[in-house]
Amino acid sequence: PARTRALTGLGITVTLQGDYDLATRLSAEVR
């Protein structure tokens, strides 16, 4: 859970930065 929470946070962060390619990969990893 600690790593998953951090991965989710990283996904939120890069999404807000507009880095949608990386965010898409992170979103799949988080799921």
All heavy atoms as atom14 arrays in JSON, in Angstrom:
{
  "sequence": "PARTRALTGLGITVTLQGDYDLATRLSAEVR",
  "atom14_mask": [
    [1, 1, 1, 1, 1, 1, 1, 0, 0, 0, 0, 0, 0, 0],
    [1, 1, 1, 1, 1, 0, 0, 0, 0, 0, 0, 0, 0, 0],
    [1, 1, 1, 1, 1, 1, 1, 1, 1, 1, 1, 0, 0, 0],
    [1, 1, 1, 1, 1, 1, 1, 0, 0, 0, 0, 0, 0, 0],
    [1, 1, 1, 1, 1, 1, 1, 1, 1, 1, 1, 0, 0, 0],
    [1, 1, 1, 1, 1, 0, 0, 0, 0, 0, 0, 0, 0, 0],
    [1, 1, 1, 1, 1, 1, 1, 1, 0, 0, 0, 0, 0, 0],
    [1, 1, 1, 1, 1, 1, 1, 0, 0, 0, 0, 0, 0, 0],
    [1, 1, 1, 1, 0, 0, 0, 0, 0, 0, 0, 0, 0, 0],
    [1, 1, 1, 1, 1, 1, 1, 1, 0, 0, 0, 0, 0, 0],
    [1, 1, 1, 1, 0, 0, 0, 0, 0, 0, 0, 0, 0, 0],
    [1, 1, 1, 1, 1, 1, 1, 1, 0, 0, 0, 0, 0, 0],
    [1, 1, 1, 1, 1, 1, 1, 0, 0, 0, 0, 0, 0, 0],
    [1, 1, 1, 1, 1, 1, 1, 0, 0, 0, 0, 0, 0, 0],
    [1, 1, 1, 1, 1, 1, 1, 0, 0, 0, 0, 0, 0, 0],
    [1, 1, 1, 1, 1, 1, 1, 1, 0, 0, 0, 0, 0, 0],
    [1, 1, 1, 1, 1, 1, 1, 1, 1, 0, 0, 0, 0, 0],
    [1, 1, 1, 1, 0, 0, 0, 0, 0, 0, 0, 0, 0, 0],
    [1, 1, 1, 1, 1, 1, 1, 1, 0, 0, 0, 0, 0, 0],
    [1, 1, 1, 1, 1, 1, 1, 1, 1, 1, 1, 1, 0, 0],
    [1, 1, 1, 1, 1, 1, 1, 1, 0, 0, 0, 0, 0, 0],
    [1, 1, 1, 1, 1, 1, 1, 1, 0, 0, 0, 0, 0, 0],
    [1, 1, 1, 1, 1, 0, 0, 0, 0, 0, 0, 0, 0, 0],
    [1, 1, 1, 1, 1, 1, 1, 0, 0, 0, 0, 0, 0, 0],
    [1, 1, 1, 1, 1, 1, 1, 1, 1, 1, 1, 0, 0, 0],
    [1, 1, 1, 1, 1, 1, 1, 1, 0, 0, 0, 0, 0, 0],
    [1, 1, 1, 1, 1, 1, 0, 0, 0, 0, 0, 0, 0, 0],
    [1, 1, 1, 1, 1, 0, 0, 0, 0, 0, 0, 0, 0, 0],
    [1, 1, 1, 1, 1, 1, 1, 1, 1, 0, 0, 0, 0, 0],
    [1, 1, 1, 1, 1, 1, 1, 0, 0, 0, 0, 0, 0, 0],
    [1, 1, 1, 1, 1, 1, 1, 1, 1, 1, 1, 0, 0, 0]
  ],
  "atom14_positions": [
    [[0.8, -1.23, 0.0], [0.0, 0.0, 0.0], [0.83, 1.28, 0.0], [0.44, 2.26, -0.64], [-0.84, -0.13, 1.28], [-0.96, -1.6, 1.51], [0.35, -2.18, 1.04], [0.0, 0.0, 0.0], [0.0, 0.0, 0.0], [0.0, 0.0, 0.0], [0.0, 0.0, 0.0], [0.0, 0.0, 0.0], [0.0, 0.0, 0.0], [0.0, 0.0, 0.0]],
    [[1.96, 1.29, 0.72], [2.77, 2.52, 0.77], [3.3, 2.86, -0.61], [3.25, 4.02, -1.05], [3.92, 2.36, 1.76], [0.0, 0.0, 0.0], [0.0, 0.0, 0.0], [0.0, 0.0, 0.0], [0.0, 0.0, 0.0], [0.0, 0.0, 0.0], [0.0, 0.0, 0.0], [0.0, 0.0, 0.0], [0.0, 0.0, 0.0], [0.0, 0.0, 0.0]],
    [[3.8, 1.85, -1.35], [4.31, 2.11, -2.69], [3.16, 2.46, -3.63], [3.3, 3.35, -4.49], [5.08, 0.89, -3.2], [5.62, 1.1, -4.61], [6.55, 0.0, -5.08], [6.88, 0.19, -6.48], [7.79, 1.03, -6.95], [8.47, 1.78, -6.1], [8.02, 1.14, -8.24], [0.0, 0.0, 0.0], [0.0, 0.0, 0.0], [0.0, 0.0, 0.0]],
    [[2.02, 1.79, -3.5], [0.89, 2.08, -4.38], [0.41, 3.51, -4.17], [0.11, 4.22, -5.14], [-0.26, 1.09, -4.12], [0.22, -0.24, -4.32], [-1.43, 1.36, -5.06], [0.0, 0.0, 0.0], [0.0, 0.0, 0.0], [0.0, 0.0, 0.0], [0.0, 0.0, 0.0], [0.0, 0.0, 0.0], [0.0, 0.0, 0.0], [0.0, 0.0, 0.0]],
    [[0.34, 3.94, -2.91], [-0.08, 5.32, -2.62], [0.88, 6.32, -3.25], [0.47, 7.34, -3.81], [-0.15, 5.52, -1.1], [-0.62, 6.9, -0.65], [-2.1, 7.06, -0.91], [-2.59, 8.34, -0.44], [-3.22, 8.54, 0.7], [-3.45, 7.52, 1.52], [-3.66, 9.72, 1.04], [0.0, 0.0, 0.0], [0.0, 0.0, 0.0], [0.0, 0.0, 0.0]],
    [[2.17, 6.03, -3.14], [3.16, 6.94, -3.73], [3.07, 6.93, -5.26], [3.2, 7.98, -5.91], [4.56, 6.54, -3.28], [0.0, 0.0, 0.0], [0.0, 0.0, 0.0], [0.0, 0.0, 0.0], [0.0, 0.0, 0.0], [0.0, 0.0, 0.0], [0.0, 0.0, 0.0], [0.0, 0.0, 0.0], [0.0, 0.0, 0.0], [0.0, 0.0, 0.0]],
    [[2.86, 5.76, -5.86], [2.68, 5.69, -7.32], [1.46, 6.48, -7.77], [1.51, 7.2, -8.78], [2.52, 4.23, -7.75], [3.77, 3.41, -8.01], [3.4, 1.94, -8.23], [4.54, 3.94, -9.21], [0.0, 0.0, 0.0], [0.0, 0.0, 0.0], [0.0, 0.0, 0.0], [0.0, 0.0, 0.0], [0.0, 0.0, 0.0], [0.0, 0.0, 0.0]],
    [[0.36, 6.37, -7.01], [-0.84, 7.14, -7.33], [-0.53, 8.63, -7.25], [-0.93, 9.41, -8.13], [-1.98, 6.8, -6.35], [-2.2, 5.39, -6.36], [-3.26, 7.52, -6.72], [0.0, 0.0, 0.0], [0.0, 0.0, 0.0], [0.0, 0.0, 0.0], [0.0, 0.0, 0.0], [0.0, 0.0, 0.0], [0.0, 0.0, 0.0], [0.0, 0.0, 0.0]],
    [[0.18, 9.02, -6.21], [0.55, 10.43, -6.07], [1.4, 10.91, -7.21], [1.22, 12.03, -7.72], [0.0, 0.0, 0.0], [0.0, 0.0, 0.0], [0.0, 0.0, 0.0], [0.0, 0.0, 0.0], [0.0, 0.0, 0.0], [0.0, 0.0, 0.0], [0.0, 0.0, 0.0], [0.0, 0.0, 0.0], [0.0, 0.0, 0.0], [0.0, 0.0, 0.0]],
    [[2.35, 10.08, -7.65], [3.19, 10.46, -8.78], [2.34, 10.6, -10.04], [2.55, 11.52, -10.85], [4.3, 9.44, -8.99], [5.31, 9.75, -10.09], [6.02, 11.08, -9.84], [6.33, 8.62, -10.24], [0.0, 0.0, 0.0], [0.0, 0.0, 0.0], [0.0, 0.0, 0.0], [0.0, 0.0, 0.0], [0.0, 0.0, 0.0], [0.0, 0.0, 0.0]],
    [[1.37, 9.71, -10.22], [0.49, 9.81, -11.37], [-0.31, 11.1, -11.36], [-0.45, 11.78, -12.4], [0.0, 0.0, 0.0], [0.0, 0.0, 0.0], [0.0, 0.0, 0.0], [0.0, 0.0, 0.0], [0.0, 0.0, 0.0], [0.0, 0.0, 0.0], [0.0, 0.0, 0.0], [0.0, 0.0, 0.0], [0.0, 0.0, 0.0], [0.0, 0.0, 0.0]],
    [[-0.85, 11.48, -10.19], [-1.58, 12.75, -10.06], [-0.66, 13.92, -10.41], [-1.04, 14.85, -11.14], [-2.12, 12.91, -8.63], [-3.17, 11.84, -8.32], [-2.66, 14.31, -8.4], [-4.48, 12.03, -9.02], [0.0, 0.0, 0.0], [0.0, 0.0, 0.0], [0.0, 0.0, 0.0], [0.0, 0.0, 0.0], [0.0, 0.0, 0.0], [0.0, 0.0, 0.0]],
    [[0.55, 13.87, -9.9], [1.49, 14.97, -10.09], [1.85, 15.17, -11.56], [1.79, 16.28, -12.08], [2.77, 14.7, -9.26], [2.41, 14.56, -7.89], [3.75, 15.84, -9.4], [0.0, 0.0, 0.0], [0.0, 0.0, 0.0], [0.0, 0.0, 0.0], [0.0, 0.0, 0.0], [0.0, 0.0, 0.0], [0.0, 0.0, 0.0], [0.0, 0.0, 0.0]],
    [[2.21, 14.1, -12.25], [2.62, 14.26, -13.64], [1.4, 14.59, -14.53], [1.54, 15.26, -15.56], [3.38, 13.03, -14.16], [4.64, 12.8, -13.36], [2.52, 11.79, -14.17], [0.0, 0.0, 0.0], [0.0, 0.0, 0.0], [0.0, 0.0, 0.0], [0.0, 0.0, 0.0], [0.0, 0.0, 0.0], [0.0, 0.0, 0.0], [0.0, 0.0, 0.0]],
    [[0.21, 14.14, -14.13], [-1.0, 14.52, -14.86], [-1.21, 16.03, -14.78], [-1.47, 16.7, -15.79], [-2.24, 13.8, -14.29], [-2.08, 12.4, -14.46], [-3.51, 14.24, -15.01], [0.0, 0.0, 0.0], [0.0, 0.0, 0.0], [0.0, 0.0, 0.0], [0.0, 0.0, 0.0], [0.0, 0.0, 0.0], [0.0, 0.0, 0.0], [0.0, 0.0, 0.0]],
    [[-1.07, 16.58, -13.58], [-1.24, 18.03, -13.41], [-0.14, 18.81, -14.11], [-0.34, 19.97, -14.47], [-1.27, 18.37, -11.91], [-2.5, 17.87, -11.15], [-2.36, 18.13, -9.66], [-3.77, 18.52, -11.69], [0.0, 0.0, 0.0], [0.0, 0.0, 0.0], [0.0, 0.0, 0.0], [0.0, 0.0, 0.0], [0.0, 0.0, 0.0], [0.0, 0.0, 0.0]],
    [[1.03, 18.18, -14.3], [2.09, 18.84, -15.05], [1.88, 18.75, -16.56], [2.62, 19.37, -17.33], [3.45, 18.22, -14.7], [3.93, 18.58, -13.3], [5.32, 18.07, -13.04], [5.6, 16.88, -13.2], [6.21, 18.96, -12.65], [0.0, 0.0, 0.0], [0.0, 0.0, 0.0], [0.0, 0.0, 0.0], [0.0, 0.0, 0.0], [0.0, 0.0, 0.0]],
    [[0.89, 17.97, -16.99], [0.62, 17.85, -18.42], [1.45, 16.81, -19.13], [1.46, 16.75, -20.37], [0.0, 0.0, 0.0], [0.0, 0.0, 0.0], [0.0, 0.0, 0.0], [0.0, 0.0, 0.0], [0.0, 0.0, 0.0], [0.0, 0.0, 0.0], [0.0, 0.0, 0.0], [0.0, 0.0, 0.0], [0.0, 0.0, 0.0], [0.0, 0.0, 0.0]],
    [[2.14, 15.95, -18.38], [2.96, 14.89, -18.99], [2.06, 13.65, -19.13], [2.16, 12.68, -18.38], [4.16, 14.59, -18.09], [5.19, 13.68, -18.76], [4.85, 13.1, -19.82], [6.29, 13.54, -18.21], [0.0, 0.0, 0.0], [0.0, 0.0, 0.0], [0.0, 0.0, 0.0], [0.0, 0.0, 0.0], [0.0, 0.0, 0.0], [0.0, 0.0, 0.0]],
    [[1.17, 13.69, -20.13], [0.11, 12.69, -20.23], [0.62, 11.3, -20.64], [0.03, 10.28, -20.25], [-0.97, 13.16, -21.2], [-1.7, 14.4, -20.74], [-2.19, 15.33, -21.66], [-1.9, 14.67, -19.39], [-2.86, 16.47, -21.25], [-2.56, 15.81, -18.97], [-3.04, 16.71, -19.91], [-3.69, 17.84, -19.49], [0.0, 0.0, 0.0], [0.0, 0.0, 0.0]],
    [[1.7, 11.23, -21.41], [2.24, 9.92, -21.79], [2.72, 9.16, -20.55], [2.39, 7.98, -20.35], [3.38, 10.08, -22.79], [2.89, 10.53, -24.16], [1.68, 10.37, -24.43], [3.7, 11.04, -24.95], [0.0, 0.0, 0.0], [0.0, 0.0, 0.0], [0.0, 0.0, 0.0], [0.0, 0.0, 0.0], [0.0, 0.0, 0.0], [0.0, 0.0, 0.0]],
    [[3.52, 9.83, -19.74], [4.0, 9.19, -18.52], [2.83, 8.91, -17.58], [2.77, 7.84, -16.95], [5.03, 10.09, -17.82], [5.56, 9.58, -16.47], [6.16, 8.19, -16.6], [6.59, 10.57, -15.9], [0.0, 0.0, 0.0], [0.0, 0.0, 0.0], [0.0, 0.0, 0.0], [0.0, 0.0, 0.0], [0.0, 0.0, 0.0], [0.0, 0.0, 0.0]],
    [[1.89, 9.84, -17.48], [0.74, 9.64, -16.6], [-0.07, 8.42, -17.02], [-0.57, 7.68, -16.17], [-0.14, 10.89, -16.6], [0.0, 0.0, 0.0], [0.0, 0.0, 0.0], [0.0, 0.0, 0.0], [0.0, 0.0, 0.0], [0.0, 0.0, 0.0], [0.0, 0.0, 0.0], [0.0, 0.0, 0.0], [0.0, 0.0, 0.0], [0.0, 0.0, 0.0]],
    [[-0.2, 8.2, -18.32], [-0.95, 7.03, -18.81], [-0.27, 5.74, -18.39], [-0.92, 4.78, -17.94], [-1.08, 7.1, -20.34], [-1.78, 8.3, -20.7], [-1.85, 5.9, -20.88], [0.0, 0.0, 0.0], [0.0, 0.0, 0.0], [0.0, 0.0, 0.0], [0.0, 0.0, 0.0], [0.0, 0.0, 0.0], [0.0, 0.0, 0.0], [0.0, 0.0, 0.0]],
    [[1.06, 5.69, -18.5], [1.78, 4.49, -18.08], [1.67, 4.28, -16.57], [1.46, 3.16, -16.09], [3.26, 4.6, -18.49], [3.48, 4.62, -19.99], [4.94, 4.38, -20.34], [5.82, 5.42, -19.85], [6.1, 6.55, -20.5], [5.53, 6.8, -21.7], [6.91, 7.44, -20.0], [0.0, 0.0, 0.0], [0.0, 0.0, 0.0], [0.0, 0.0, 0.0]],
    [[1.77, 5.37, -15.82], [1.66, 5.26, -14.37], [0.26, 4.83, -13.95], [0.09, 4.05, -13.01], [2.0, 6.61, -13.72], [3.5, 6.96, -13.65], [3.68, 8.41, -13.24], [4.22, 6.04, -12.66], [0.0, 0.0, 0.0], [0.0, 0.0, 0.0], [0.0, 0.0, 0.0], [0.0, 0.0, 0.0], [0.0, 0.0, 0.0], [0.0, 0.0, 0.0]],
    [[-0.76, 5.33, -14.65], [-2.14, 4.98, -14.32], [-2.35, 3.47, -14.44], [-2.98, 2.84, -13.57], [-3.11, 5.74, -15.22], [-4.44, 5.41, -14.91], [0.0, 0.0, 0.0], [0.0, 0.0, 0.0], [0.0, 0.0, 0.0], [0.0, 0.0, 0.0], [0.0, 0.0, 0.0], [0.0, 0.0, 0.0], [0.0, 0.0, 0.0], [0.0, 0.0, 0.0]],
    [[-1.8, 2.88, -15.49], [-1.92, 1.43, -15.67], [-1.17, 0.68, -14.57], [-1.66, -0.32, -14.01], [-1.39, 1.03, -17.04], [0.0, 0.0, 0.0], [0.0, 0.0, 0.0], [0.0, 0.0, 0.0], [0.0, 0.0, 0.0], [0.0, 0.0, 0.0], [0.0, 0.0, 0.0], [0.0, 0.0, 0.0], [0.0, 0.0, 0.0], [0.0, 0.0, 0.0]],
    [[0.02, 1.17, -14.22], [0.8, 0.53, -13.16], [0.07, 0.63, -11.82], [0.06, -0.32, -11.03], [2.18, 1.2, -13.06], [3.12, 0.51, -12.09], [4.51, 1.13, -12.06], [4.8, 2.03, -12.89], [5.3, 0.72, -11.19], [0.0, 0.0, 0.0], [0.0, 0.0, 0.0], [0.0, 0.0, 0.0], [0.0, 0.0, 0.0], [0.0, 0.0, 0.0]],
    [[-0.55, 1.78, -11.57], [-1.28, 1.97, -10.31], [-2.48, 1.03, -10.24], [-2.75, 0.44, -9.18], [-1.72, 3.45, -10.17], [-2.76, 3.6, -9.06], [-0.52, 4.34, -9.91], [0.0, 0.0, 0.0], [0.0, 0.0, 0.0], [0.0, 0.0, 0.0], [0.0, 0.0, 0.0], [0.0, 0.0, 0.0], [0.0, 0.0, 0.0], [0.0, 0.0, 0.0]],
    [[-3.21, 0.87, -11.34], [-4.37, -0.04, -11.34], [-3.94, -1.45, -10.99], [-4.57, -2.13, -10.17], [-5.05, -0.02, -12.72], [-5.94, 1.17, -12.97], [-6.89, 0.92, -14.13], [-6.21, 0.54, -15.36], [-5.72, 1.41, -16.25], [-5.84, 2.71, -16.04], [-5.12, 0.98, -17.35], [0.0, 0.0, 0.0], [0.0, 0.0, 0.0], [0.0, 0.0, 0.0]]
  ]
}
